[in-house]
Each structure stands twice: as structure tokens, then as C-alpha cells.
Amino acid sequence: MTAFAAVDLGASSGRVMVGRAGPGELTLTEAHRFANEPVRVGGTLHWDILALYRGVLEGLRRAGPVDAIGIDSWAVDYGLLDESGALLGNPIHYRDARTDGVAAKVSSVVPDLYARTGLQKLPFNTIYQLVAAAGTPQLAAARQLLLIPDLLAYWLTGVAGAEFTNASTTQLLDVRTGEWATDLAHRVGINPALLPPLRAPGDRIGPVLPSIGVGTPDVIAVGSHDTASAVVGVPAASDRFAYISCGTWSLVGVELDAPVLTEASRIANFTNEGGVDGKVRYLRNVMGLWPLQECLREWGNPDIGALLAEAARLSTGPVVDLDDPVYLPPGGMEGRLTGRIGRQLSRAGLVRCIVDSLALAHKRAVEQAQELSGTHVDAVHIVGGGARNELLCQLTADACGLPVLAGPVEATAIGNVLVQARAAGVISGDLRALRGLISQTQPIKRYEPQGG
């Protein structure tokens, strides 16, 4: 087997995993895990990108010799480079308030935005961030925009570019042509010269610079939007499946061959994002485990296992609409939840409320994805950290009336590794073949729907 380093950055932590892949073989071990802690400066919420880069380098050193490296992260956020290639300040966090009200402003200028880009309207999409930054000295000095995984790849190799799956989340990519929508950028006042050349999953970016000191393995473009890699890591036996990549966010959808650009799809706020092998990830962002994570943080990080066990013994109580934007900002989550519920709950009761509400949100999104795309699914796959949450998996099966197959937890890193391994010629085949390898080698837990 050949070794591949998967750099996987999530909204709360980063990790470097070492995957070894070959015919009938796939193993994954953790080399290094590190915190991802945003920093608020002068009222603006930033990513600590240099701390993340330091964590990546430490992880690569601990990983030992590898044949290649792939990098994925969350979407939409970016760094700006000046004419010398230097970073112009820490990237701003998508939860920062600078984009409040910007989406409506852009829609008034580009009413056909959904028809062009196929993306759901989320207040933090890259296009809105750039419009919000208009007139700032930083944007005026910028000569190139790099999304987070591409920025890290640039620091490792010196080669700039934009991997397609993550570029598709910017709302600056034409969903039909797969190219940058330069005319659209002009219409909203964004300089198209900022947008770097596109590259596809499996493309070789270049070798790591010798001066970095981790050897000179090739950096390979993977599905650099973490959800794109996670969907590769779904161990589906057929095409009739829905996926839930569940962590801080729940990304709920189906995999298609062509985008859905109907008015009904736009109103339902479904998105058409790029997938590996030219697939379309037709999905909807659901708030995910973020409210639970925030409550746990406010409570001093108590034992989540004990809280979930206690919550499982409770009957279903009040539920809330987790897609309400009121739950998007950090801080004060318990107060916002109890304010909507209208009364105080025990900690276990509030956990049960969050998990019940999330299961119902999963049900709505799975049903809408089928209806809007004209597809039918036989099972729901939950991958990512949420696959560990047995209560959530069972309640999702109950709500959807479909079997839920949970795992792998590290689907994103696995999808990252498999795209690298295929590019290296170590394994071969289409997505179904890659997923078959996952089914053969990774533990999957099945939950059957219960009750009426």
C-alpha cells in the first residue's frame, strides 16, 4: 500500500490523517489533531490561519514519509494575496457580521443569481463577503483570491489555483459551464482578475517546496470542499441514497448528474455544488450540531456521552427550527434556544430538543431533495462526527422512515485519500468502486426506523 496525507480542516479543529490504500485495502490513522480557534480583533471575527498552517506542518512532520498530500476544508472563506504573493491579513470568518444585509443588495443587482450559479442564498457566500469588502484598502491591494485549502497548498508548493468543488461554493462559478462567471463578477463590482485558474480533483498541483522540511511529496487537488470529499467517502451500494455530512453543519442531499435550477429549487434554498467526477452535490445546509457544540462550550464542556444517554431516556419535548438565522452567531446559544422554547429546560432536556429538532430538519431536507430532483432514495447515510451520535442517528431514521447507515466518522479524510490514491494509480475505478472499497474496509452501523 502507498501512504497519503489527508489534511482535513473543520470549523472547530484540524487534523492530518495518514491513509494507506491499495486493492482491497484502506486504513486511516491520525497523525496530528489541533484546535481551530477563531480570533476576534477590532470587532471582526478572523480565522487564525497561521496557527492552522503551523498545525498542518506539525501534522505532516508527524505523518512521516508520504507519497502525496491532499487538503480540504470548509467552504466560502478566502485569503487575499498582494502583488508579491504575500497574504493581506487573516481571512475573515464566515460567521462575522460584515455580510448582514448584503445578499439583498446583490440580488437587486443580479436577480438571476440562482440561474447562473445554482447556489442557495447563504449570508456568508464568498460573493457577499467580497461585496461587503468593497472599498477596503485590503481588497484594493489584492491581486489574487485563494480559498482556504488553495491558500495552504500555495504555501506548500508556490502554485496558485482554485480547486473546482470549492470554487463552486463561491457563487462566482457558472453552474452550467463550470467556469468563472466573470461577467457576473463585473456586475457586482468584483475584479475577475482575483479569481485564479481552476483545477479538478485529481490534478497534480506540484511538489512541496524543499525549504519547508517535510520532504517533497506531490500535493494533489482533492475534493477540497470538505463536503465534496465526505460525499466520496459515503459507502453507498447504489445511486439511490441520500447523504448527511454531519458536523458543525449538516449538509443534506443527493448526488446528481446535472443541476436542478427550477424556481421551486431556488425557493427551497437548495444548492448545486460541484462534486468529484463531475457530479453535482444537490443539497441544503442545515444548522447541524453547531447549537449543541455552542451549548456544551457555554457549559464548560461536560461529558456529552452522559448528556446524550440522559436525553435518550426523555420523551420528545419541544422542538425549534434550527434553520432560523438567530442560531447562526456564536455565544448565548442556550438563551436563544430557551427564548424560542418559552421555558427553561434541564441540560439533558435542551440536548434532546436540539437532537429532535435536527432529526426533523434532516427529514425535511431529505424529502425535499427527492421531490425537487425527481429522485428516490432507499437509505440515508450519515457520515462525519454526527455518525457517532447514536441518538441522532436513530431519531433521523425514525423521522425519515428510512434505514440510516452511520459511518465512517472520518469520511472526509477517507474521500480525500481515495482521490489521491486514484490519481497516483494505486487504485482505480469510478465513485461506486471507491465506495465499494470503503464498504469492504470500514465499520458501518445500521439503524432501522422505529415507531409509527
Protein backbone atom coordinates (compact mmCIF):
# COMPACT_ATOMS: atom_id res chain seq x y z
CA MET A 1 0.00 0.00 0.00
CA THR A 2 1.00 3.63 -0.58
CA ALA A 3 0.74 6.36 2.09
CA PHE A 4 -1.19 9.59 1.61
CA ALA A 5 -1.57 12.53 4.00
CA ALA A 6 -5.07 13.97 4.22
CA VAL A 7 -5.16 17.48 5.67
CA ASP A 8 -8.74 17.98 6.83
CA LEU A 9 -9.70 21.32 8.38
CA GLY A 10 -13.06 21.69 10.07
CA ALA A 11 -14.69 24.69 11.68
CA SER A 12 -13.59 23.67 15.18
CA SER A 13 -10.49 21.52 14.64
CA GLY A 14 -7.98 20.39 12.07
CA ARG A 15 -6.31 17.04 11.59
CA VAL A 16 -3.70 15.35 9.48
CA MET A 17 -4.57 11.74 8.75
CA VAL A 18 -2.39 9.16 7.06
CA GLY A 19 -4.25 6.86 4.72
CA ARG A 20 -2.82 3.73 3.18
CA ALA A 21 -4.66 2.40 0.18
CA GLY A 22 -4.35 -0.46 -2.25
CA PRO A 23 -6.60 -3.04 -3.94
CA GLY A 24 -8.95 -4.26 -1.20
CA GLU A 25 -7.07 -2.30 1.46
CA LEU A 26 -7.80 1.03 3.14
CA THR A 27 -6.57 2.13 6.55
CA LEU A 28 -6.56 5.52 8.23
CA THR A 29 -4.57 6.70 11.23
CA GLU A 30 -4.40 10.08 12.91
CA ALA A 31 -1.02 11.78 12.82
CA HIS A 32 -2.00 15.05 14.50
CA ARG A 33 -5.11 16.90 15.64
CA PHE A 34 -5.18 20.58 16.56
CA ALA A 35 -7.69 23.22 17.55
CA ASN A 36 -9.18 25.73 15.15
CA GLU A 37 -9.95 28.73 17.33
CA PRO A 38 -11.14 31.93 15.63
CA VAL A 39 -9.97 35.27 16.99
CA ARG A 40 -11.99 38.47 17.27
CA VAL A 41 -9.95 41.62 16.64
CA GLY A 42 -11.41 45.10 16.47
CA GLY A 43 -14.92 43.69 16.28
CA THR A 44 -14.12 41.39 13.33
CA LEU A 45 -14.00 37.60 13.62
CA HIS A 46 -10.95 36.08 11.90
CA TRP A 47 -9.55 32.63 11.28
CA ASP A 48 -6.10 32.15 12.81
CA ILE A 49 -4.70 30.93 9.52
CA LEU A 50 -1.05 30.91 10.62
CA ALA A 51 -1.89 28.69 13.60
CA LEU A 52 -3.71 26.35 11.21
CA TYR A 53 -0.71 26.28 8.88
CA ARG A 54 1.56 25.53 11.83
CA GLY A 55 -0.75 22.65 12.78
CA VAL A 56 -0.63 21.33 9.22
CA LEU A 57 3.17 21.42 9.15
CA GLU A 58 3.40 19.68 12.51
CA GLY A 59 0.97 17.04 11.26
CA LEU A 60 2.99 16.46 8.11
CA ARG A 61 6.15 16.07 10.17
CA ARG A 62 4.45 13.54 12.43
CA ALA A 63 2.97 11.71 9.45
CA GLY A 64 6.42 10.72 8.24
CA PRO A 65 7.19 9.99 4.60
CA VAL A 66 4.10 10.05 2.37
CA ASP A 67 3.66 9.80 -1.36
CA ALA A 68 1.23 12.71 -1.68
CA ILE A 69 -0.78 15.29 0.26
CA GLY A 70 -4.37 16.45 -0.22
CA ILE A 71 -6.04 19.38 1.55
CA ASP A 72 -9.72 20.02 2.25
CA SER A 73 -11.56 22.50 4.46
CA TRP A 74 -14.82 24.34 4.94
CA ALA A 75 -16.03 26.44 2.02
CA VAL A 76 -16.51 30.12 1.08
CA ASP A 77 -13.72 31.77 3.10
CA TYR A 78 -10.56 33.04 1.46
CA GLY A 79 -7.27 34.85 1.80
CA LEU A 80 -6.18 37.76 -0.37
CA LEU A 81 -2.64 37.99 -1.77
CA ASP A 82 -0.85 41.16 -2.83
CA GLU A 83 1.25 41.50 -5.99
CA SER A 84 4.23 39.84 -4.27
CA GLY A 85 2.14 36.83 -3.21
CA ALA A 86 2.02 37.85 0.46
CA LEU A 87 -1.16 37.36 2.48
CA LEU A 88 -3.07 40.56 3.18
CA GLY A 89 -4.29 39.85 6.71
CA ASN A 90 -6.01 36.93 8.37
CA PRO A 91 -9.04 35.56 6.48
CA ILE A 92 -12.35 36.71 7.92
CA HIS A 93 -14.66 34.09 9.43
CA TYR A 94 -17.92 33.35 7.64
CA ARG A 95 -19.82 33.93 10.90
CA ASP A 96 -18.66 37.56 11.03
CA ALA A 97 -21.49 40.08 10.78
CA ARG A 98 -19.98 42.10 7.91
CA THR A 99 -22.24 40.41 5.35
CA ASP A 100 -25.51 41.27 7.12
CA GLY A 101 -27.91 42.64 4.51
CA VAL A 102 -25.50 42.18 1.60
CA ALA A 103 -27.40 39.30 -0.03
CA ALA A 104 -30.44 41.50 -0.64
CA LYS A 105 -28.20 44.18 -2.16
CA VAL A 106 -26.62 41.70 -4.56
CA SER A 107 -30.00 40.21 -5.52
CA SER A 108 -31.20 43.64 -6.57
CA VAL A 109 -28.24 43.89 -8.98
CA VAL A 110 -28.22 40.24 -10.14
CA PRO A 111 -31.77 38.86 -9.91
CA ASP A 112 -30.74 35.80 -11.95
CA LEU A 113 -28.02 34.75 -9.50
CA TYR A 114 -29.52 31.31 -8.81
CA ALA A 115 -29.98 30.56 -12.50
CA ARG A 116 -26.31 31.36 -13.12
CA THR A 117 -24.69 29.76 -10.09
CA GLY A 118 -27.24 27.28 -8.74
CA LEU A 119 -26.30 28.12 -5.15
CA GLN A 120 -28.54 28.57 -2.16
CA LYS A 121 -28.62 32.01 -0.63
CA LEU A 122 -26.46 31.89 2.48
CA PRO A 123 -25.44 35.23 4.01
CA PHE A 124 -21.75 34.30 4.06
CA ASN A 125 -21.25 33.11 0.47
CA THR A 126 -17.98 34.37 -0.98
CA ILE A 127 -19.68 36.76 -3.38
CA TYR A 128 -21.35 38.53 -0.46
CA GLN A 129 -18.10 38.66 1.51
CA LEU A 130 -16.34 40.33 -1.41
CA VAL A 131 -19.15 42.84 -1.93
CA ALA A 132 -19.03 43.61 1.79
CA ALA A 133 -15.28 44.26 1.46
CA ALA A 134 -15.70 46.74 -1.41
CA GLY A 135 -13.74 49.93 -0.86
CA THR A 136 -11.40 48.50 1.78
CA PRO A 137 -7.67 49.08 1.38
CA GLN A 138 -7.09 45.33 1.67
CA LEU A 139 -9.28 44.49 -1.31
CA ALA A 140 -7.81 47.38 -3.28
CA ALA A 141 -4.31 45.95 -2.76
CA ALA A 142 -5.35 42.37 -3.56
CA ARG A 143 -4.18 40.71 -6.75
CA GLN A 144 -5.39 37.16 -6.13
CA LEU A 145 -8.02 35.37 -4.05
CA LEU A 146 -7.32 31.87 -2.73
CA LEU A 147 -9.85 29.74 -0.87
CA ILE A 148 -8.54 28.24 2.36
CA PRO A 149 -7.32 24.85 1.02
CA ASP A 150 -5.81 26.53 -2.03
CA LEU A 151 -4.04 29.07 0.19
CA LEU A 152 -2.41 26.28 2.21
CA ALA A 153 -1.49 24.42 -0.99
CA TYR A 154 0.06 27.64 -2.30
CA TRP A 155 2.19 28.00 0.81
CA LEU A 156 3.33 24.39 0.44
CA THR A 157 4.06 24.45 -3.30
CA GLY A 158 4.19 28.04 -4.53
CA VAL A 159 1.49 27.19 -7.09
CA ALA A 160 -1.80 29.14 -7.03
CA GLY A 161 -5.12 27.84 -8.27
CA ALA A 162 -8.74 27.15 -7.37
CA GLU A 163 -9.99 23.59 -6.98
CA PHE A 164 -13.35 23.16 -8.68
CA THR A 165 -15.55 21.75 -5.89
CA ASN A 166 -14.69 24.56 -3.50
CA ALA A 167 -14.80 27.19 -6.24
CA SER A 168 -18.38 26.10 -6.88
CA THR A 169 -19.36 27.37 -3.40
CA THR A 170 -18.28 30.96 -4.07
CA GLN A 171 -21.39 31.90 -6.11
CA LEU A 172 -18.97 33.17 -8.74
CA LEU A 173 -18.87 29.98 -10.84
CA ASP A 174 -21.26 29.37 -13.73
CA VAL A 175 -23.11 26.18 -12.84
CA ARG A 176 -23.64 25.21 -16.50
CA THR A 177 -20.17 25.85 -17.92
CA GLY A 178 -18.11 25.09 -14.82
CA GLU A 179 -16.07 28.25 -15.46
CA TRP A 180 -15.76 31.51 -13.56
CA ALA A 181 -18.72 33.81 -14.27
CA THR A 182 -16.55 36.84 -14.97
CA ASP A 183 -19.45 38.94 -16.26
CA LEU A 184 -21.35 38.30 -13.04
CA ALA A 185 -18.32 39.37 -11.01
CA HIS A 186 -18.16 42.61 -13.01
CA ARG A 187 -21.84 43.30 -12.34
CA VAL A 188 -21.35 43.28 -8.57
CA GLY A 189 -18.06 45.18 -8.64
CA ILE A 190 -15.65 42.26 -8.14
CA ASN A 191 -12.45 42.23 -10.19
CA PRO A 192 -12.42 38.88 -12.08
CA ALA A 193 -8.61 39.02 -12.15
CA LEU A 194 -8.72 38.00 -8.49
CA LEU A 195 -10.02 34.54 -9.46
CA PRO A 196 -7.22 32.02 -10.06
CA PRO A 197 -7.10 29.24 -12.67
CA LEU A 198 -9.39 26.31 -11.96
CA ARG A 199 -8.19 22.77 -11.35
CA ALA A 200 -10.05 19.49 -10.87
CA PRO A 201 -9.91 16.82 -8.17
CA GLY A 202 -7.04 14.51 -9.05
CA ASP A 203 -4.91 17.21 -10.67
CA ARG A 204 -1.30 17.43 -9.54
CA ILE A 205 -0.61 20.85 -8.02
CA GLY A 206 3.13 20.44 -7.53
CA PRO A 207 5.77 19.14 -5.11
CA VAL A 208 6.19 20.54 -1.62
CA LEU A 209 8.96 23.13 -1.58
CA PRO A 210 12.20 21.64 -0.19
CA SER A 211 12.64 24.58 2.17
CA ILE A 212 9.56 23.55 4.16
CA GLY A 213 11.31 20.50 5.53
CA VAL A 214 8.70 17.76 5.17
CA GLY A 215 10.12 16.14 2.05
CA THR A 216 8.90 16.85 -1.47
CA PRO A 217 5.76 14.76 -1.99
CA ASP A 218 3.28 15.98 -4.56
CA VAL A 219 0.29 17.98 -3.41
CA ILE A 220 -2.77 16.63 -5.22
CA ALA A 221 -6.02 18.53 -5.68
CA VAL A 222 -8.80 16.56 -3.98
CA GLY A 223 -12.42 17.49 -3.34
CA SER A 224 -11.10 20.45 -1.38
CA HIS A 225 -14.52 21.44 -0.11
CA ASP A 226 -14.72 19.05 2.83
CA THR A 227 -18.26 18.04 1.90
CA ALA A 228 -17.11 17.02 -1.58
CA SER A 229 -14.54 14.68 -0.02
CA ALA A 230 -17.11 13.49 2.53
CA VAL A 231 -19.54 12.53 -0.25
CA VAL A 232 -16.81 10.48 -1.93
CA GLY A 233 -16.47 8.80 1.48
CA VAL A 234 -20.12 7.72 1.60
CA PRO A 235 -20.16 3.88 1.42
CA ALA A 236 -23.28 3.68 -0.76
CA ALA A 237 -24.00 0.43 -2.58
CA SER A 238 -26.17 2.08 -5.27
CA ASP A 239 -27.09 5.52 -6.59
CA ARG A 240 -30.34 5.58 -4.58
CA PHE A 241 -29.03 7.22 -1.43
CA ALA A 242 -29.22 10.47 0.48
CA TYR A 243 -26.25 11.68 2.46
CA ILE A 244 -25.90 13.75 5.60
CA SER A 245 -22.39 15.02 6.23
CA CYS A 246 -22.96 15.89 9.85
CA GLY A 247 -20.71 18.00 11.99
CA THR A 248 -20.90 21.69 12.83
CA TRP A 249 -23.18 21.82 9.78
CA SER A 250 -25.38 19.09 8.38
CA LEU A 251 -25.11 19.01 4.59
CA VAL A 252 -28.13 17.02 3.45
CA GLY A 253 -28.70 15.99 -0.15
CA VAL A 254 -28.37 13.61 -3.06
CA GLU A 255 -25.79 13.12 -5.79
CA LEU A 256 -26.90 14.02 -9.32
CA ASP A 257 -25.51 14.16 -12.84
CA ALA A 258 -26.96 17.61 -13.62
CA PRO A 259 -28.00 20.67 -11.59
CA VAL A 260 -31.59 21.45 -10.60
CA LEU A 261 -32.29 25.09 -11.38
CA THR A 262 -36.05 25.28 -11.07
CA GLU A 263 -37.86 28.07 -9.31
CA ALA A 264 -39.06 25.56 -6.71
CA SER A 265 -35.44 24.61 -6.01
CA ARG A 266 -34.47 28.26 -5.59
CA ILE A 267 -37.35 28.95 -3.22
CA ALA A 268 -36.45 25.85 -1.19
CA ASN A 269 -32.88 27.20 -0.97
CA PHE A 270 -31.21 24.07 -2.32
CA THR A 271 -27.72 24.34 -3.73
CA ASN A 272 -25.93 22.73 -6.68
CA GLU A 273 -22.29 22.35 -5.72
CA GLY A 274 -19.55 20.67 -7.68
CA GLY A 275 -18.64 17.10 -6.83
CA VAL A 276 -15.83 14.73 -7.72
CA ASP A 277 -16.02 13.14 -11.19
CA GLY A 278 -18.32 15.88 -12.47
CA LYS A 279 -21.15 15.03 -10.09
CA VAL A 280 -23.50 17.61 -8.63
CA ARG A 281 -23.95 17.73 -4.88
CA TYR A 282 -27.59 18.77 -4.66
CA LEU A 283 -28.02 19.68 -1.03
CA ARG A 284 -29.22 22.02 1.62
CA ASN A 285 -27.24 23.41 4.55
CA VAL A 286 -28.90 22.57 7.85
CA MET A 287 -27.58 24.13 11.05
CA GLY A 288 -26.17 20.79 12.23
CA LEU A 289 -24.55 20.22 15.61
CA TRP A 290 -23.48 23.85 15.99
CA PRO A 291 -26.17 24.72 18.59
CA LEU A 292 -25.19 21.67 20.65
CA GLN A 293 -21.49 22.50 20.34
CA GLU A 294 -22.12 26.05 21.50
CA CYS A 295 -24.21 24.92 24.48
CA LEU A 296 -21.50 22.47 25.52
CA ARG A 297 -18.91 25.23 25.28
CA GLU A 298 -21.06 27.53 27.43
CA TRP A 299 -21.50 24.73 29.98
CA GLY A 300 -17.76 24.13 30.30
CA ASN A 301 -17.66 21.07 28.01
CA PRO A 302 -19.37 18.45 30.20
CA ASP A 303 -19.45 14.75 29.26
CA ILE A 304 -21.51 14.69 26.06
CA GLY A 305 -21.94 10.91 26.25
CA ALA A 306 -23.66 11.15 29.62
CA LEU A 307 -25.88 14.02 28.46
CA LEU A 308 -26.94 12.12 25.33
CA ALA A 309 -27.68 8.99 27.37
CA GLU A 310 -29.87 11.04 29.71
CA ALA A 311 -31.52 12.78 26.75
CA ALA A 312 -32.31 9.40 25.15
CA ARG A 313 -34.33 8.44 28.23
CA LEU A 314 -36.53 11.51 27.82
CA SER A 315 -39.60 11.60 25.63
CA THR A 316 -39.76 14.02 22.74
CA GLY A 317 -40.42 17.52 24.01
CA PRO A 318 -40.31 20.96 22.42
CA VAL A 319 -38.59 21.44 19.07
CA VAL A 320 -37.28 24.55 17.32
CA ASP A 321 -36.47 25.49 13.73
CA LEU A 322 -32.69 25.13 13.70
CA ASP A 323 -32.54 26.81 10.29
CA ASP A 324 -33.58 30.11 11.89
CA PRO A 325 -30.67 32.56 11.37
CA VAL A 326 -30.93 33.51 15.06
CA TYR A 327 -28.81 30.42 15.81
CA LEU A 328 -26.01 31.30 13.40
CA PRO A 329 -23.80 33.62 15.53
CA PRO A 330 -21.61 32.31 18.34
CA GLY A 331 -22.35 32.97 22.00
CA GLY A 332 -25.52 32.94 24.08
CA MET A 333 -26.91 29.81 22.43
CA GLU A 334 -28.72 28.42 25.48
CA GLY A 335 -30.52 31.71 25.98
CA ARG A 336 -31.58 31.92 22.34
CA LEU A 337 -32.90 28.36 22.40
CA THR A 338 -34.83 28.72 25.65
CA GLY A 339 -36.16 32.07 24.44
CA ARG A 340 -37.74 30.34 21.44
CA ILE A 341 -38.95 27.40 23.54
CA GLY A 342 -40.53 29.75 26.05
CA ARG A 343 -39.34 27.98 29.18
CA GLN A 344 -36.24 26.63 30.86
CA LEU A 345 -35.18 23.03 30.31
CA SER A 346 -32.64 20.84 32.04
CA ARG A 347 -29.37 20.41 30.17
CA ALA A 348 -30.45 16.94 29.05
CA GLY A 349 -33.82 18.35 28.02
CA LEU A 350 -32.16 21.02 25.92
CA VAL A 351 -29.88 18.41 24.31
CA ARG A 352 -32.97 16.33 23.48
CA CYS A 353 -34.64 19.41 21.99
CA ILE A 354 -31.61 20.10 19.77
CA VAL A 355 -31.28 16.49 18.59
CA ASP A 356 -35.03 16.08 17.95
CA SER A 357 -35.04 19.38 16.05
CA LEU A 358 -32.03 18.34 13.98
CA ALA A 359 -33.58 14.95 13.11
CA LEU A 360 -36.70 16.74 11.87
CA ALA A 361 -34.57 19.16 9.86
CA HIS A 362 -32.82 16.14 8.29
CA LYS A 363 -36.21 14.65 7.38
CA ARG A 364 -37.39 17.85 5.71
CA ALA A 365 -34.21 18.18 3.68
CA VAL A 366 -34.13 14.52 2.59
CA GLU A 367 -37.76 14.68 1.47
CA GLN A 368 -37.28 17.98 -0.34
CA ALA A 369 -34.13 16.76 -2.09
CA GLN A 370 -36.05 13.80 -3.52
CA GLU A 371 -39.08 15.84 -4.52
CA LEU A 372 -37.14 18.67 -6.16
CA SER A 373 -34.69 16.41 -8.01
CA GLY A 374 -37.20 13.76 -9.04
CA THR A 375 -35.15 11.01 -7.42
CA HIS A 376 -35.95 8.31 -4.88
CA VAL A 377 -33.66 7.06 -2.13
CA ASP A 378 -33.66 3.76 -0.27
CA ALA A 379 -31.32 4.73 2.54
CA VAL A 380 -29.74 7.69 4.31
CA HIS A 381 -26.01 7.71 5.01
CA ILE A 382 -24.74 9.80 7.92
CA VAL A 383 -21.01 10.44 7.80
CA GLY A 384 -18.75 12.69 9.84
CA GLY A 385 -18.81 13.34 13.57
CA GLY A 386 -22.59 13.04 13.75
CA ALA A 387 -22.28 9.33 12.89
CA ARG A 388 -21.05 8.80 16.48
CA ASN A 389 -24.26 10.29 17.89
CA GLU A 390 -26.43 7.19 18.26
CA LEU A 391 -29.45 9.16 19.45
CA LEU A 392 -29.30 11.47 16.42
CA CYS A 393 -28.85 8.55 14.01
CA GLN A 394 -31.82 6.67 15.44
CA LEU A 395 -34.07 9.75 15.55
CA THR A 396 -33.10 10.56 11.95
CA ALA A 397 -34.05 7.02 10.87
CA ASP A 398 -37.36 7.37 12.74
CA ALA A 399 -38.11 10.78 11.24
CA CYS A 400 -37.19 9.81 7.67
CA GLY A 401 -38.78 6.36 7.81
CA LEU A 402 -35.64 5.01 6.15
CA PRO A 403 -32.67 2.99 7.31
CA VAL A 404 -29.73 5.12 8.37
CA LEU A 405 -26.22 3.81 7.79
CA ALA A 406 -23.79 5.62 10.06
CA GLY A 407 -20.11 5.93 9.27
CA PRO A 408 -17.39 6.35 8.54
CA VAL A 409 -16.77 9.16 11.00
CA GLU A 410 -13.69 10.21 9.04
CA ALA A 411 -15.45 10.11 5.66
CA THR A 412 -13.89 13.41 4.62
CA ALA A 413 -10.33 12.21 5.18
CA ILE A 414 -11.16 8.89 3.50
CA GLY A 415 -12.59 10.64 0.43
CA ASN A 416 -9.50 12.87 0.36
CA VAL A 417 -7.18 9.82 0.48
CA LEU A 418 -9.11 7.87 -2.17
CA VAL A 419 -8.91 10.71 -4.72
CA GLN A 420 -5.17 10.94 -4.08
CA ALA A 421 -4.73 7.17 -4.36
CA ARG A 422 -6.62 7.04 -7.63
CA ALA A 423 -4.59 9.94 -9.02
CA ALA A 424 -1.43 8.05 -8.07
CA GLY A 425 -2.65 4.93 -9.87
CA VAL A 426 -2.69 2.84 -6.70
CA ILE A 427 -6.42 2.13 -7.04
CA SER A 428 -8.79 2.61 -9.96
CA GLY A 429 -12.45 2.85 -10.80
CA ASP A 430 -15.38 5.23 -10.58
CA LEU A 431 -17.07 6.54 -7.46
CA ARG A 432 -19.02 3.33 -6.96
CA ALA A 433 -15.76 1.38 -6.95
CA LEU A 434 -14.21 3.76 -4.44
CA ARG A 435 -17.28 3.47 -2.22
CA GLY A 436 -17.17 -0.30 -2.51
CA LEU A 437 -13.68 -0.23 -1.05
CA ILE A 438 -14.99 1.79 1.90
CA SER A 439 -17.81 -0.72 2.48
CA GLN A 440 -15.30 -3.57 2.50
CA THR A 441 -12.90 -1.97 4.94
CA GLN A 442 -14.74 0.45 7.28
CA PRO A 443 -17.24 -0.24 10.10
CA ILE A 444 -20.78 0.93 9.30
CA LYS A 445 -23.69 0.82 11.78
CA ARG A 446 -27.26 0.41 10.56
CA TYR A 447 -30.29 1.99 12.27
CA GLU A 448 -33.77 0.85 11.28
CA PRO A 449 -36.71 3.24 11.71
CA GLN A 450 -38.81 2.54 14.78
CA GLY A 451 -42.30 3.55 15.80
CA GLY A 452 -45.15 4.86 13.73
